[in-house]
Amino acid sequence: MVNVYSLSFAYHKRRILKDISLSLKPGEFLGFLGPNGSGKSTFLKNLLGFLKPSQGRILFAGSDTVLTRTFRSKRLAFVPQNSRLSASLSVRDLMLMGRLPHIRDRWTGYGKEDKQKVEEMLKTLGITGMADRDVMSLSGGELQKVIIGRCLVQEGDLLLLDEATSGLDLNHTIEIMELMRKKADEEGKTIVAVLHDLNLASQYCDRIVLLKDGCLRYQGLPQEILTETVVEEIYGIRAVVTADEAGRPLVLPRRAAAPVWGGGGGNITQGAGWCTMNGF
């Protein structure tokens, strides 16, 4: 569906992405991982056309023709890392904005099908009860679910998620990841998700890409990529990597030179060579 060849990008003279090449296939759930500042969000913005590559090519369906804004808005859907709202809208109206690329003209407005798809998504996400609430009254996690819903009703072929679950609790995080997995498996959506949770990526992604310092260091199956050696190289931490019953990696970070903490009573006892503090 999408092929990226030798993509580089720089802000002024500072290179953010360096010679990245990869392919995205229909129905693939790709996890995009790496330390903060490694270029993950910048890569998504290059795919979206928000940023223009310094060099390299991005081909959609084998063509590098400059895509129109209308084409991109219909084919590419995006959940940003931070959603800042300054207007007072209902949850239903905010989600309806995802249908903007599909309206026939500005005078006709949203049609019956657009409204129906929003109602279905409200039900799918379990937020029908808040459909008439003002989005300014929502918690961060509630708003994030609405933004994800807006992305999904857009019905793009390529879904780009920039830390889409970062504001959600564990239950809702799993709910969204299951939904995205279903979109890939049953509807053939291509999903690129920027994630920081290695275990979440391991459980749900078909393939993982690891970036560091703007370079694509590794790409492959989770069981190929998520090893103790690679985790230490990319993140600079030691970790124990085991496997679940399906053979997918489970990553448990280890504390660096972890101190031994004492029991209650207001006492903290650290390991040999450290001090003991009482009654703080």
Protein backbone atom coordinates (compact mmCIF):
# COMPACT_ATOMS: atom_id res chain seq x y z
CA MET A 1 0.00 0.00 0.00
CA VAL A 2 2.75 2.46 0.98
CA ASN A 3 6.44 2.30 0.14
CA VAL A 4 8.98 4.66 1.67
CA TYR A 5 12.38 5.00 0.03
CA SER A 6 15.40 6.69 1.66
CA LEU A 7 13.26 9.19 3.54
CA SER A 8 15.15 11.96 5.32
CA PHE A 9 13.85 15.07 7.02
CA ALA A 10 15.51 18.04 8.70
CA TYR A 11 14.33 21.04 10.69
CA HIS A 12 16.65 23.74 9.38
CA LYS A 13 20.05 21.99 9.61
CA ARG A 14 19.08 19.44 12.26
CA ARG A 15 18.42 16.04 10.72
CA ILE A 16 15.48 14.29 12.38
CA LEU A 17 15.00 11.33 10.01
CA LYS A 18 17.90 9.68 8.24
CA ASP A 19 17.51 7.48 5.17
CA ILE A 20 14.45 5.45 6.25
CA SER A 21 13.05 2.79 3.92
CA LEU A 22 10.12 0.48 4.65
CA SER A 23 6.89 -0.87 3.20
CA LEU A 24 3.40 -0.91 4.70
CA LYS A 25 1.08 -3.68 3.60
CA PRO A 26 -2.73 -3.81 3.55
CA GLY A 27 -4.08 -5.34 6.74
CA GLU A 28 -0.81 -4.91 8.62
CA PHE A 29 -0.57 -3.57 12.17
CA LEU A 30 2.84 -1.94 12.46
CA GLY A 31 4.27 -0.81 15.79
CA PHE A 32 6.55 2.23 15.58
CA LEU A 33 8.78 2.33 18.65
CA GLY A 34 11.84 4.11 19.96
CA PRO A 35 13.04 6.58 22.60
CA ASN A 36 11.60 10.08 22.88
CA GLY A 37 12.95 12.32 20.14
CA SER A 38 13.87 9.47 17.82
CA GLY A 39 11.66 10.79 14.96
CA LYS A 40 8.50 8.67 15.26
CA SER A 41 5.97 11.52 15.16
CA THR A 42 7.95 13.29 12.44
CA PHE A 43 7.75 10.16 10.29
CA LEU A 44 3.95 10.11 10.60
CA LYS A 45 3.75 13.79 9.67
CA ASN A 46 5.79 13.10 6.52
CA LEU A 47 3.35 10.34 5.55
CA LEU A 48 0.43 12.69 6.15
CA GLY A 49 1.97 15.45 4.04
CA PHE A 50 2.13 17.85 7.00
CA LEU A 51 5.90 17.92 6.47
CA LYS A 52 7.86 17.67 3.24
CA PRO A 53 10.80 15.22 3.15
CA SER A 54 14.26 16.67 2.67
CA GLN A 55 14.94 13.73 0.39
CA GLY A 56 13.47 10.37 -0.52
CA ARG A 57 10.12 9.22 -1.88
CA ILE A 58 6.80 8.10 -0.46
CA LEU A 59 4.68 6.02 -2.84
CA PHE A 60 0.99 5.38 -2.22
CA ALA A 61 -0.33 2.45 -4.27
CA GLY A 62 2.82 2.57 -6.40
CA SER A 63 2.52 6.24 -7.31
CA ASP A 64 4.51 9.21 -6.06
CA THR A 65 2.11 11.71 -7.58
CA VAL A 66 1.52 14.62 -5.24
CA LEU A 67 -1.65 13.68 -3.40
CA THR A 68 -4.43 16.23 -3.09
CA ARG A 69 -5.69 17.25 0.32
CA THR A 70 -9.04 15.62 -0.47
CA PHE A 71 -7.41 12.32 -1.39
CA ARG A 72 -5.30 12.30 1.76
CA SER A 73 -8.25 13.16 3.97
CA LYS A 74 -10.23 10.23 2.58
CA ARG A 75 -7.45 7.66 2.60
CA LEU A 76 -5.36 8.65 5.64
CA ALA A 77 -6.79 9.05 9.14
CA PHE A 78 -4.76 10.41 12.04
CA VAL A 79 -4.92 10.43 15.83
CA PRO A 80 -2.47 13.10 17.05
CA GLN A 81 -0.34 12.85 20.16
CA ASN A 82 -2.00 15.88 21.73
CA SER A 83 -5.50 17.06 20.89
CA ARG A 84 -6.06 20.67 21.85
CA LEU A 85 -9.62 21.90 21.58
CA SER A 86 -10.66 25.52 21.93
CA ALA A 87 -14.25 25.28 20.68
CA SER A 88 -17.29 24.12 22.56
CA LEU A 89 -18.75 21.11 20.70
CA SER A 90 -20.78 18.08 21.63
CA VAL A 91 -19.10 14.70 21.49
CA ARG A 92 -21.37 13.76 18.58
CA ASP A 93 -20.47 16.89 16.60
CA LEU A 94 -16.74 16.44 17.17
CA MET A 95 -16.92 12.87 15.95
CA LEU A 96 -18.97 13.96 12.92
CA MET A 97 -15.98 16.04 11.82
CA GLY A 98 -14.36 12.77 10.76
CA ARG A 99 -16.99 12.55 8.01
CA LEU A 100 -16.05 15.91 6.46
CA PRO A 101 -14.08 14.33 3.57
CA HIS A 102 -17.18 12.39 2.55
CA ILE A 103 -19.82 15.13 2.34
CA ARG A 104 -20.90 15.92 -1.22
CA ASP A 105 -20.74 19.69 -0.84
CA ARG A 106 -20.69 22.34 1.86
CA TRP A 107 -24.35 23.21 1.32
CA THR A 108 -25.69 19.69 1.72
CA GLY A 109 -23.78 19.01 4.93
CA TYR A 110 -23.75 15.68 6.69
CA GLY A 111 -26.04 13.03 5.31
CA LYS A 112 -27.98 10.21 6.92
CA GLU A 113 -25.13 7.75 6.36
CA ASP A 114 -22.61 10.06 8.07
CA LYS A 115 -24.78 10.41 11.14
CA GLN A 116 -25.48 6.69 11.24
CA LYS A 117 -21.78 5.85 11.18
CA VAL A 118 -21.16 8.19 14.10
CA GLU A 119 -23.95 6.59 16.12
CA GLU A 120 -22.50 3.15 15.40
CA MET A 121 -19.04 4.27 16.50
CA LEU A 122 -20.41 5.82 19.70
CA LYS A 123 -21.95 2.44 20.47
CA THR A 124 -18.79 0.52 19.53
CA LEU A 125 -16.70 2.66 21.88
CA GLY A 126 -19.29 2.47 24.64
CA ILE A 127 -19.73 6.24 24.84
CA THR A 128 -23.30 6.69 23.57
CA GLY A 129 -24.24 8.07 26.98
CA MET A 130 -21.89 11.03 26.57
CA ALA A 131 -22.86 11.87 22.97
CA ASP A 132 -24.46 15.18 23.95
CA ARG A 133 -21.83 16.25 26.45
CA ASP A 134 -19.59 19.22 25.78
CA VAL A 135 -16.11 17.96 24.87
CA MET A 136 -14.63 20.65 27.12
CA SER A 137 -16.11 18.78 30.10
CA LEU A 138 -14.44 15.47 29.28
CA SER A 139 -11.47 13.99 31.06
CA GLY A 140 -8.29 13.46 29.05
CA GLY A 141 -9.03 9.76 28.62
CA GLU A 142 -12.63 10.36 27.58
CA LEU A 143 -11.59 12.94 25.02
CA GLN A 144 -8.98 10.59 23.62
CA LYS A 145 -11.63 7.93 22.94
CA VAL A 146 -13.70 10.53 21.08
CA ILE A 147 -10.68 11.56 18.97
CA ILE A 148 -10.04 7.89 18.15
CA GLY A 149 -13.71 7.56 17.18
CA ARG A 150 -13.40 10.59 14.89
CA CYS A 151 -10.44 8.90 13.20
CA LEU A 152 -12.32 5.64 12.69
CA VAL A 153 -15.50 7.15 11.21
CA GLN A 154 -13.28 8.80 8.62
CA GLU A 155 -12.84 5.28 7.16
CA GLY A 156 -9.33 5.79 5.83
CA ASP A 157 -7.31 2.88 4.48
CA LEU A 158 -4.25 3.94 6.46
CA LEU A 159 -4.68 4.73 10.18
CA LEU A 160 -1.83 6.64 11.80
CA LEU A 161 -1.91 6.63 15.60
CA ASP A 162 0.54 8.82 17.49
CA GLU A 163 0.50 7.48 21.07
CA ALA A 164 -3.27 7.15 20.74
CA THR A 165 -3.69 5.15 23.96
CA SER A 166 -1.32 7.16 26.16
CA GLY A 167 -4.16 8.89 28.03
CA LEU A 168 -6.25 5.77 28.56
CA ASP A 169 -6.38 3.39 31.50
CA LEU A 170 -5.42 -0.25 31.01
CA ASN A 171 -8.96 -1.45 30.35
CA HIS A 172 -9.65 1.14 27.65
CA THR A 173 -6.18 0.73 26.18
CA ILE A 174 -6.85 -2.97 25.58
CA GLU A 175 -10.31 -2.13 24.21
CA ILE A 176 -8.82 0.24 21.62
CA MET A 177 -5.99 -2.12 20.66
CA GLU A 178 -8.48 -4.96 20.18
CA LEU A 179 -10.58 -2.70 17.97
CA MET A 180 -7.55 -1.74 15.88
CA ARG A 181 -6.54 -5.37 15.55
CA LYS A 182 -10.06 -6.14 14.32
CA LYS A 183 -9.88 -3.28 11.80
CA ALA A 184 -6.68 -4.74 10.37
CA ASP A 185 -7.88 -8.35 10.31
CA GLU A 186 -11.46 -7.90 9.11
CA GLU A 187 -11.36 -4.69 7.07
CA GLY A 188 -7.81 -4.77 5.75
CA LYS A 189 -6.87 -1.44 7.33
CA THR A 190 -3.18 -0.64 7.51
CA ILE A 191 -2.32 0.67 10.96
CA VAL A 192 0.86 2.43 12.04
CA ALA A 193 0.88 2.99 15.80
CA VAL A 194 3.53 4.96 17.65
CA LEU A 195 3.80 3.19 21.00
CA HIS A 196 5.99 3.30 24.09
CA ASP A 197 4.67 0.11 25.68
CA LEU A 198 6.82 -2.73 24.35
CA ASN A 199 4.47 -5.40 25.67
CA LEU A 200 1.45 -3.79 24.03
CA ALA A 201 3.33 -3.71 20.73
CA SER A 202 4.37 -7.33 21.19
CA GLN A 203 0.80 -8.49 21.80
CA TYR A 204 -0.95 -6.65 18.97
CA CYS A 205 1.50 -5.74 16.21
CA ASP A 206 2.39 -7.91 13.22
CA ARG A 207 5.70 -6.14 12.82
CA ILE A 208 7.77 -3.73 14.88
CA VAL A 209 10.03 -0.90 13.72
CA LEU A 210 12.60 0.48 16.15
CA LEU A 211 14.00 3.98 15.64
CA LYS A 212 16.88 5.64 17.43
CA ASP A 213 18.43 9.03 16.67
CA GLY A 214 16.36 9.27 13.49
CA CYS A 215 17.65 5.98 12.07
CA LEU A 216 15.68 2.81 11.50
CA ARG A 217 17.70 0.34 13.56
CA TYR A 218 15.50 -2.76 13.41
CA GLN A 219 12.30 -4.02 11.81
CA GLY A 220 10.71 -7.45 11.97
CA LEU A 221 8.45 -9.74 13.96
CA PRO A 222 8.11 -8.97 17.69
CA GLN A 223 9.86 -12.22 18.63
CA GLU A 224 12.77 -11.29 16.37
CA ILE A 225 13.11 -7.69 17.52
CA LEU A 226 12.30 -7.61 21.23
CA THR A 227 15.35 -9.24 22.73
CA GLU A 228 17.31 -8.27 25.82
CA THR A 229 20.24 -7.15 23.69
CA VAL A 230 18.14 -4.97 21.41
CA VAL A 231 16.16 -3.40 24.27
CA GLU A 232 19.40 -2.41 25.99
CA GLU A 233 20.85 -1.03 22.76
CA ILE A 234 17.80 1.08 21.90
CA TYR A 235 16.63 2.20 25.33
CA GLY A 236 19.80 1.92 27.40
CA ILE A 237 18.19 -0.29 30.04
CA ARG A 238 18.51 -3.90 31.08
CA ALA A 239 15.41 -6.06 30.75
CA VAL A 240 14.34 -9.65 31.18
CA VAL A 241 12.56 -10.90 28.06
CA THR A 242 10.44 -14.04 28.33
CA ALA A 243 7.55 -15.31 26.19
CA ASP A 244 3.85 -15.87 26.70
CA GLU A 245 1.97 -19.05 25.75
CA ALA A 246 1.73 -17.83 22.14
CA GLY A 247 5.48 -17.19 21.94
CA ARG A 248 5.18 -13.40 21.97
CA PRO A 249 7.83 -11.54 23.99
CA LEU A 250 7.13 -10.16 27.45
CA VAL A 251 9.55 -7.41 28.47
CA LEU A 252 10.23 -6.73 32.15
CA PRO A 253 12.58 -3.77 32.72
CA ARG A 254 15.16 -4.23 35.47
CA ARG A 255 16.20 -1.48 37.81
CA ALA A 256 19.74 -0.27 37.38
CA ALA A 257 21.71 -1.04 40.55
CA ALA A 258 18.43 -1.23 42.42
CA PRO A 259 18.67 -0.30 46.12
CA VAL A 260 17.14 -2.59 48.73
CA TRP A 261 14.31 -0.75 50.43
CA GLY A 262 13.34 -1.58 54.00
CA GLY A 263 9.95 -2.11 55.62
CA GLY A 264 7.58 0.27 57.41
CA GLY A 265 8.04 2.41 60.50
CA GLY A 266 9.33 5.40 58.55
CA ASN A 267 12.71 3.76 57.97
CA ILE A 268 14.43 3.46 54.62
CA THR A 269 17.46 1.20 54.44
CA GLN A 270 19.52 1.16 51.27
CA GLY A 271 22.13 -1.36 50.28
CA ALA A 272 25.70 -1.58 51.44
CA GLY A 273 27.61 1.66 51.14
CA TRP A 274 24.45 3.76 51.42
CA CYS A 275 23.00 5.62 54.38
CA THR A 276 20.02 4.87 56.63
CA MET A 277 17.38 7.58 57.08
CA ASN A 278 14.89 7.52 59.92
CA GLY A 279 11.56 9.20 60.54
CA PHE A 280 11.22 11.29 57.40
